[in-house]
Structure formats: C-alpha cells, structure tokens
Amino acid sequence: MKFKLIPALLVSVCFNIVSIEAQEIIPTYSDYLTDNLFLLHPSMAGASNYDQIRLTGRRQWFDVEGAPNLQTLAVNSRLTDKIGAGGILFRDENGNFSKVGAYGSLAYHLMFSRSTADLNQLSFGISGGVIQHRLDQSGFTGFDPLIGKNDKADIFANMDVGISYYVSDLYFHLAVKNIIFVSRDLFYSDAVPSNMRKYLFSSGYVFSLDVNDPWSFEPSLLFQAREATNEMAVDANFKAYYELEQGKFWTGISYRNSFEGAEYNKNGDEIKSQQLRYITPYAGINYKRFLFGYTFSYQLNSLVLSENGFHQITLGYNFGKSRERYSCKCPAINN
C-alpha cells in the first residue's frame, strides 16, 4: 500500500469494514469451508483418512492498490495410529504492514469406534509458531521526514490448543488461538492489546435425503470471540456434496455477521450504525487425490472501501496410504 491509500484504510477501520480478523495472527476467513479445517484447528492434524496438503491464496479489492492478501501452505499427516502432525507457513500483507510465520502442530486421536461401521473419534491438538511483523516505512518520508526510512520488524511466538469430536455424521470443534500474552514493540498502543486470545467453536451435521442419494448436505455454524475486546461473530453455513465416480463436487454459501456495530456520519447526514456482514458463495471439486476450490466474499455493508469483494483459491492434494473409510457422511474424515 502506498501512502495515498492510508486515509482510505483509516476510514475502513473506523467504520468497522475491517472484520474481526484484524490484529490476529492468521486471519479467520472461510478457508475451513474448502476442506482446510487444519488451518483453524490443530486437533485436525492427521484426523482424515488421507494425509493432506493445502495451498490457499486470498486477495481483497482488486481495484485497490496495496489491498490485503494472504497466502497459506498447510500440511498434515498421521504418524501413528493415534498421533498426527502438521505444519503451516503463511504470509499476510496489508498495505505497509506484513507478517510471515510458521506453525508446527501435534494431535492425539482417541478412537472409540468398534469397526468401520461407525465413527467415534476424539482428537486433541496443540500448535506453536513463530511470527514476524514488519512495517515498511519507505513511503512515509514525504509525509513526515522524522519517520525512519528503514523497515521496522519484531518477532514473537504464540500457541494454539484445540479439541475435535466426530461421532457418525455429527461433529464439534473447539480451539483457543494465541493463548500467550505478547507485548509487541512495533505495534504497542492501547488499541493493540497484548492479549490476542480468541475462541472458535463450530458444529455441523451431514445428512442425505435417501441412502442411495448421491447428494448430501451439511449445515454448520462457526462462532468466534476475542477475549480482550469482546468482539464476536457467527458464520451460518450450508454446504452440498454430489458424489462422482472418482471424487465429488461441492458447493455452498456462508453468511457472517458480527455482534458489534460502529457509528458513522456520511456526507454530513444523520449518524448511522452498521455491523460487519458478508456473504460467501463457494464451490469446488475433489478429483481422485486432487482438490480445487474457489471462494468469493461480498460485503453487505452500506459503507465499503470497494465493491469488488474478496477472492480466494484453494489447491489441495491427498497423499500417503489411505486409512479405512467409515460408513458415514463425514467428508472431513472420509476425504
């Protein structure tokens, strides 16, 4: 982002256009809906029947220079019958600010299933990572010559913990992100607390209308809350799967709504309030061991920085030897 974009982004922040993801380490977008649950939940490392690699690229507002963009690379696999492991590399850019990081995860899976006739799996996970924040000041000198020309950066570490439970076609996930309080010199202010802790809870159910129907459906919810600021948001999701001879096609829609509003005054009119709201249609296909997914998010707010929305592509590959599939509608496990 060049300096000319800074006023526009400040307006965006002031009017709650930047979502609940602001200031967290890896933003919580809609990646999990495109078969990328491990990105959110360390307990999902090695939980599926295949080992997984997922690559995502996300870009917001194509018509805005220096707009936010995010890239992630996530890999997870089952090491033993009960132990899973994984790693995440990411890069997140937002104008003059950027962050890069790496996470490693371990998960322990307790199998209560008596056979492949049913699924009953409880998983625990923990992850730790190192993150570098960087501020590019090269374009600031025209605004204030007292600001340094060199980049400023800091490095810190944090941890996540989580638990997942799958029983037949029903599932639950709980994760606590950024459990360590971190003081960051680069971003120190009263508006940026050292407490970045966030809670994620999600649940869903997969069902078919008929035992031989190639279609199955998955309603789900994701709730997220930040401890320091009491920000909260909820996703209401609906996903449909169609079984193919060598894979499956899937599509769905997600609606996110925050519980906090921000007041604004536009063109001297009366003061109004709006909450963060956006809708996300998505679609993808699993073909043999390959995955491709596309996600588009559109803000429903009356005051937005751009009408172009957020675009994301997910590429995936399932590798390793397949473990036994369960006789359930559980696509996150039977991938």
Protein backbone atom coordinates (compact mmCIF):
# COMPACT_ATOMS: atom_id res chain seq x y z
CA MET A 1 0.00 0.00 0.00
CA LYS A 2 1.39 3.40 -0.98
CA PHE A 3 0.80 6.30 1.39
CA LYS A 4 -2.13 7.61 -0.65
CA LEU A 5 -4.14 4.58 0.45
CA ILE A 6 -3.67 5.18 4.18
CA PRO A 7 -6.61 7.64 4.61
CA ALA A 8 -8.93 5.20 2.84
CA LEU A 9 -7.86 2.34 5.10
CA LEU A 10 -8.26 4.50 8.19
CA VAL A 11 -11.83 5.22 7.14
CA SER A 12 -12.32 1.50 6.58
CA VAL A 13 -11.06 0.65 10.09
CA CYS A 14 -13.07 3.41 11.78
CA PHE A 15 -16.31 2.18 10.25
CA ASN A 16 -15.82 -1.49 11.09
CA ILE A 17 -15.19 -2.53 7.50
CA VAL A 18 -12.11 -4.41 8.63
CA SER A 19 -13.54 -7.53 10.21
CA ILE A 20 -12.95 -9.36 13.48
CA GLU A 21 -9.81 -10.84 11.90
CA ALA A 22 -7.85 -7.60 12.43
CA GLN A 23 -4.72 -8.00 14.56
CA GLU A 24 -4.93 -11.77 14.79
CA ILE A 25 -2.05 -13.90 13.58
CA ILE A 26 -3.68 -15.96 10.82
CA PRO A 27 -7.00 -14.31 9.91
CA THR A 28 -10.10 -16.48 10.20
CA TYR A 29 -11.72 -16.29 6.79
CA SER A 30 -13.71 -19.03 5.06
CA ASP A 31 -10.79 -21.39 4.30
CA TYR A 32 -12.27 -24.08 6.52
CA LEU A 33 -15.24 -24.43 4.17
CA THR A 34 -12.96 -25.61 1.34
CA ASP A 35 -11.68 -28.71 3.15
CA ASN A 36 -8.98 -26.85 5.08
CA LEU A 37 -10.01 -27.44 8.70
CA PHE A 38 -6.45 -27.94 9.94
CA LEU A 39 -5.76 -24.25 9.23
CA LEU A 40 -8.11 -23.41 12.12
CA HIS A 41 -7.96 -26.47 14.35
CA PRO A 42 -4.65 -28.09 15.44
CA SER A 43 -6.68 -31.10 16.60
CA MET A 44 -7.36 -31.94 12.92
CA ALA A 45 -3.71 -32.78 12.19
CA GLY A 46 -3.81 -36.31 10.80
CA ALA A 47 -7.52 -36.72 11.52
CA SER A 48 -8.53 -37.59 7.96
CA ASN A 49 -8.14 -40.89 6.14
CA TYR A 50 -5.56 -39.34 3.82
CA ASP A 51 -2.65 -37.05 4.60
CA GLN A 52 -3.26 -33.57 3.21
CA ILE A 53 -1.54 -30.59 1.66
CA ARG A 54 -3.50 -27.37 1.08
CA LEU A 55 -2.36 -24.15 -0.59
CA THR A 56 -4.53 -21.01 -0.49
CA GLY A 57 -4.24 -17.56 -2.00
CA ARG A 58 -6.63 -14.76 -1.00
CA ARG A 59 -6.85 -11.22 -2.37
CA GLN A 60 -9.21 -8.43 -1.36
CA TRP A 61 -10.32 -5.48 -3.50
CA PHE A 62 -8.55 -5.93 -6.84
CA ASP A 63 -9.15 -2.24 -7.64
CA VAL A 64 -7.31 -1.01 -4.51
CA GLU A 65 -3.52 -0.72 -4.54
CA GLY A 66 -1.86 -2.48 -1.62
CA ALA A 67 -5.09 -4.24 -0.59
CA PRO A 68 -4.85 -7.13 1.92
CA ASN A 69 -3.71 -10.50 0.60
CA LEU A 70 -2.93 -13.79 2.31
CA GLN A 71 -1.14 -16.99 1.30
CA THR A 72 -1.05 -20.18 3.37
CA LEU A 73 0.54 -23.59 2.96
CA ALA A 74 -0.76 -26.28 5.33
CA VAL A 75 0.39 -29.92 5.53
CA ASN A 76 -0.78 -32.57 7.99
CA SER A 77 -0.44 -36.35 8.25
CA ARG A 78 -0.97 -39.32 10.59
CA LEU A 79 2.34 -40.51 12.05
CA THR A 80 0.98 -43.49 14.01
CA ASP A 81 -2.45 -44.91 14.77
CA LYS A 82 -3.01 -42.17 17.34
CA ILE A 83 -0.51 -39.38 16.59
CA GLY A 84 -0.90 -36.73 13.90
CA ALA A 85 1.39 -33.86 12.98
CA GLY A 86 1.29 -30.87 10.69
CA GLY A 87 2.79 -27.54 9.76
CA ILE A 88 1.61 -24.17 8.42
CA LEU A 89 3.53 -21.48 6.57
CA PHE A 90 1.80 -18.16 5.90
CA ARG A 91 2.31 -14.64 4.60
CA ASP A 92 -0.22 -11.88 5.26
CA GLU A 93 0.15 -8.40 3.71
CA ASN A 94 -1.96 -5.33 4.39
CA GLY A 95 -0.51 -2.22 2.82
CA ASN A 96 2.68 -1.23 4.60
CA PHE A 97 2.21 -3.96 7.21
CA SER A 98 3.09 -7.60 6.62
CA LYS A 99 3.63 -10.71 8.66
CA VAL A 100 5.12 -14.11 7.95
CA GLY A 101 5.15 -17.12 10.18
CA ALA A 102 5.47 -20.85 10.64
CA TYR A 103 3.48 -23.18 12.93
CA GLY A 104 4.01 -26.80 13.91
CA SER A 105 1.23 -28.96 15.37
CA LEU A 106 0.78 -32.28 17.15
CA ALA A 107 -2.52 -34.08 17.64
CA TYR A 108 -3.62 -37.14 19.58
CA HIS A 109 -6.59 -39.15 18.31
CA LEU A 110 -8.64 -41.44 20.53
CA MET A 111 -10.62 -43.96 18.52
CA PHE A 112 -13.76 -45.28 20.22
CA SER A 113 -15.06 -46.89 17.03
CA ARG A 114 -15.56 -50.64 17.21
CA SER A 115 -15.19 -51.01 13.44
CA THR A 116 -15.52 -49.06 10.21
CA ALA A 117 -19.29 -49.39 10.64
CA ASP A 118 -19.25 -46.29 12.85
CA LEU A 119 -17.09 -43.24 13.52
CA ASN A 120 -16.37 -42.13 17.07
CA GLN A 121 -13.14 -40.10 17.26
CA LEU A 122 -11.98 -37.61 19.89
CA SER A 123 -8.92 -35.53 18.99
CA PHE A 124 -6.69 -33.15 20.95
CA GLY A 125 -4.23 -30.76 19.33
CA ILE A 126 -1.58 -28.20 20.20
CA SER A 127 0.46 -25.95 17.95
CA GLY A 128 3.23 -23.41 18.37
CA GLY A 129 4.58 -20.85 15.97
CA VAL A 130 7.00 -18.03 15.33
CA ILE A 131 5.73 -14.85 13.66
CA GLN A 132 7.47 -11.77 12.28
CA HIS A 133 5.64 -8.47 11.86
CA ARG A 134 7.17 -5.89 9.53
CA LEU A 135 6.38 -2.23 8.85
CA ASP A 136 7.62 -0.74 5.56
CA GLN A 137 8.35 2.96 6.16
CA SER A 138 9.95 3.70 2.79
CA GLY A 139 6.95 5.70 1.58
CA PHE A 140 6.43 7.72 4.76
CA THR A 141 9.17 10.34 4.37
CA GLY A 142 7.09 12.53 2.11
CA PHE A 143 4.52 12.76 4.87
CA ASP A 144 6.84 13.18 7.83
CA PRO A 145 10.64 13.37 7.41
CA LEU A 146 11.08 12.41 11.07
CA ILE A 147 9.81 8.91 10.41
CA GLY A 148 12.64 6.46 9.72
CA LYS A 149 13.33 5.17 6.24
CA ASN A 150 14.19 1.64 7.29
CA ASP A 151 11.78 -1.23 7.82
CA LYS A 152 10.83 -2.00 11.40
CA ALA A 153 10.17 -5.57 12.49
CA ASP A 154 9.58 -7.65 15.57
CA ILE A 155 9.45 -11.39 16.15
CA PHE A 156 7.32 -13.22 18.70
CA ALA A 157 5.85 -16.67 19.36
CA ASN A 158 2.42 -17.97 20.29
CA MET A 159 0.43 -21.18 20.78
CA ASP A 160 -2.99 -22.65 19.95
CA VAL A 161 -4.84 -25.58 21.52
CA GLY A 162 -7.95 -27.39 20.34
CA ILE A 163 -10.25 -30.38 20.55
CA SER A 164 -12.42 -32.07 17.90
CA TYR A 165 -15.09 -34.77 18.22
CA TYR A 166 -16.65 -36.76 15.39
CA VAL A 167 -19.48 -39.17 16.11
CA SER A 168 -21.05 -40.64 13.00
CA ASP A 169 -22.37 -37.69 10.91
CA LEU A 170 -22.10 -35.09 13.70
CA TYR A 171 -19.01 -33.08 14.67
CA PHE A 172 -17.78 -30.40 17.08
CA HIS A 173 -14.60 -28.30 17.14
CA LEU A 174 -13.24 -26.00 19.86
CA ALA A 175 -9.99 -24.05 19.54
CA VAL A 176 -8.29 -21.39 21.64
CA LYS A 177 -5.96 -19.33 19.49
CA ASN A 178 -3.00 -17.18 20.61
CA ILE A 179 -3.06 -18.29 24.23
CA ILE A 180 0.17 -16.45 25.18
CA PHE A 181 0.03 -12.73 26.02
CA VAL A 182 2.60 -10.98 23.83
CA SER A 183 3.91 -7.40 24.04
CA ARG A 184 4.95 -6.24 20.58
CA ASP A 185 7.13 -3.12 20.48
CA LEU A 186 6.34 -2.45 16.84
CA PHE A 187 2.59 -2.17 17.46
CA TYR A 188 2.48 -1.00 21.06
CA SER A 189 -0.56 1.14 21.87
CA ASP A 190 -3.66 0.97 23.99
CA ALA A 191 -5.59 -0.03 20.85
CA VAL A 192 -3.42 -3.11 20.27
CA PRO A 193 -3.62 -5.24 23.44
CA SER A 194 -1.04 -7.89 24.28
CA ASN A 195 -3.95 -10.30 24.69
CA MET A 196 -4.75 -11.68 21.20
CA ARG A 197 -6.58 -14.72 22.57
CA LYS A 198 -9.55 -15.87 20.51
CA TYR A 199 -12.05 -18.70 20.88
CA LEU A 200 -13.51 -20.68 18.00
CA PHE A 201 -16.40 -23.11 18.29
CA SER A 202 -18.04 -24.87 15.37
CA SER A 203 -20.51 -27.66 14.88
CA GLY A 204 -22.22 -29.31 11.94
CA TYR A 205 -24.15 -32.30 10.70
CA VAL A 206 -24.02 -34.12 7.35
CA PHE A 207 -27.10 -35.92 6.04
CA SER A 208 -28.71 -37.34 2.89
CA LEU A 209 -32.39 -37.49 1.97
CA ASP A 210 -32.03 -41.10 0.82
CA VAL A 211 -29.46 -43.80 1.48
CA ASN A 212 -28.69 -44.11 -2.25
CA ASP A 213 -28.88 -40.38 -2.99
CA PRO A 214 -25.59 -39.01 -4.44
CA TRP A 215 -26.37 -35.69 -2.76
CA SER A 216 -25.55 -34.96 0.88
CA PHE A 217 -25.97 -31.73 2.83
CA GLU A 218 -24.06 -30.08 5.67
CA PRO A 219 -25.47 -27.21 7.76
CA SER A 220 -22.91 -25.80 10.20
CA LEU A 221 -22.11 -22.85 12.46
CA LEU A 222 -18.84 -21.18 13.45
CA PHE A 223 -18.72 -18.84 16.44
CA GLN A 224 -15.65 -16.74 17.20
CA ALA A 225 -14.93 -14.36 20.09
CA ARG A 226 -11.94 -12.21 21.04
CA GLU A 227 -11.19 -12.08 24.76
CA ALA A 228 -9.62 -8.61 25.03
CA THR A 229 -12.18 -6.66 23.01
CA ASN A 230 -15.30 -8.82 23.40
CA GLU A 231 -15.73 -8.86 19.62
CA MET A 232 -17.92 -11.72 18.45
CA ALA A 233 -19.11 -13.04 15.10
CA VAL A 234 -21.01 -16.04 13.81
CA ASP A 235 -20.97 -17.88 10.47
CA ALA A 236 -24.10 -19.70 9.30
CA ASN A 237 -23.11 -22.18 6.56
CA PHE A 238 -24.80 -24.61 4.22
CA LYS A 239 -22.81 -26.97 2.00
CA ALA A 240 -23.91 -29.60 -0.53
CA TYR A 241 -21.90 -32.54 -1.90
CA TYR A 242 -22.50 -34.58 -5.05
CA GLU A 243 -20.72 -37.92 -5.32
CA LEU A 244 -18.87 -38.55 -8.59
CA GLU A 245 -17.32 -41.75 -9.86
CA GLN A 246 -13.80 -40.64 -8.87
CA GLY A 247 -14.46 -37.82 -6.45
CA LYS A 248 -17.14 -35.33 -5.53
CA PHE A 249 -18.38 -31.87 -6.41
CA TRP A 250 -19.34 -29.49 -3.63
CA THR A 251 -20.81 -26.02 -3.31
CA GLY A 252 -22.27 -23.89 -0.58
CA ILE A 253 -22.91 -20.50 0.92
CA SER A 254 -21.86 -18.82 4.17
CA TYR A 255 -23.19 -15.73 5.95
CA ARG A 256 -21.06 -13.94 8.56
CA ASN A 257 -22.42 -11.37 10.98
CA SER A 258 -20.62 -9.54 13.79
CA PHE A 259 -22.38 -8.60 17.00
CA GLU A 260 -20.73 -5.18 17.31
CA GLY A 261 -21.67 -2.08 15.37
CA ALA A 262 -19.81 1.12 14.53
CA GLU A 263 -21.30 4.57 14.13
CA TYR A 264 -20.50 6.73 11.14
CA ASN A 265 -21.54 10.03 9.59
CA LYS A 266 -21.53 10.13 5.81
CA ASN A 267 -21.76 13.45 3.91
CA GLY A 268 -22.96 15.28 6.98
CA ASP A 269 -26.11 13.21 7.24
CA GLU A 270 -27.51 11.68 10.41
CA ILE A 271 -25.30 9.32 12.41
CA LYS A 272 -25.84 5.71 11.42
CA SER A 273 -24.61 2.37 12.70
CA GLN A 274 -23.61 -0.75 10.83
CA GLN A 275 -22.26 -4.21 11.65
CA LEU A 276 -19.82 -6.25 9.64
CA ARG A 277 -21.82 -8.54 7.35
CA TYR A 278 -20.76 -10.50 4.32
CA ILE A 279 -21.93 -13.41 2.26
CA THR A 280 -19.63 -16.06 0.79
CA PRO A 281 -20.61 -18.44 -2.00
CA TYR A 282 -18.04 -21.14 -2.78
CA ALA A 283 -17.60 -24.23 -4.93
CA GLY A 284 -15.01 -26.90 -5.60
CA ILE A 285 -14.25 -30.38 -6.73
CA ASN A 286 -12.31 -33.38 -5.44
CA TYR A 287 -10.98 -35.48 -8.32
CA LYS A 288 -9.07 -38.57 -7.31
CA ARG A 289 -6.50 -37.14 -4.88
CA PHE A 290 -6.67 -33.54 -6.11
CA LEU A 291 -8.79 -30.65 -4.83
CA PHE A 292 -9.69 -27.28 -6.31
CA GLY A 293 -11.89 -24.69 -4.60
CA TYR A 294 -12.94 -21.09 -5.23
CA THR A 295 -14.43 -18.70 -2.67
CA PHE A 296 -15.89 -15.23 -3.16
CA SER A 297 -16.88 -12.98 -0.25
CA TYR A 298 -19.04 -9.90 -0.74
CA GLN A 299 -19.63 -7.27 1.93
CA LEU A 300 -23.25 -6.35 2.54
CA ASN A 301 -22.47 -3.13 4.41
CA SER A 302 -23.69 0.19 3.03
CA LEU A 303 -20.25 1.78 3.53
CA VAL A 304 -17.41 -0.21 1.96
CA LEU A 305 -13.94 0.55 0.61
CA SER A 306 -14.54 -1.40 -2.61
CA GLU A 307 -17.38 -3.29 -4.29
CA ASN A 308 -15.01 -5.91 -5.74
CA GLY A 309 -15.16 -8.33 -2.83
CA PHE A 310 -12.61 -10.94 -1.71
CA HIS A 311 -11.38 -13.77 -3.93
CA GLN A 312 -9.70 -16.97 -2.75
CA ILE A 313 -8.41 -20.08 -4.49
CA THR A 314 -7.59 -23.35 -2.68
CA LEU A 315 -5.47 -26.12 -4.20
CA GLY A 316 -5.06 -29.44 -2.46
CA TYR A 317 -3.60 -32.92 -2.74
CA ASN A 318 -4.24 -36.01 -0.59
CA PHE A 319 -1.17 -38.19 -0.23
CA GLY A 320 0.03 -41.24 1.62
CA LYS A 321 -1.71 -44.56 2.12
CA SER A 322 -5.44 -44.35 2.68
CA ARG A 323 -6.70 -45.48 6.07
CA GLU A 324 -10.03 -47.28 6.38
CA ARG A 325 -13.10 -45.27 5.41
CA TYR A 326 -16.05 -45.12 7.75
CA SER A 327 -19.59 -45.81 6.63
CA CYS A 328 -20.81 -42.30 7.47
CA LYS A 329 -21.46 -39.00 5.75
CA CYS A 330 -18.29 -37.41 7.17
CA PRO A 331 -16.35 -35.73 4.32
CA ALA A 332 -13.76 -34.19 6.65
CA ILE A 333 -12.68 -37.72 7.66
CA ASN A 334 -13.56 -39.72 4.52
CA ASN A 335 -11.81 -37.34 2.12
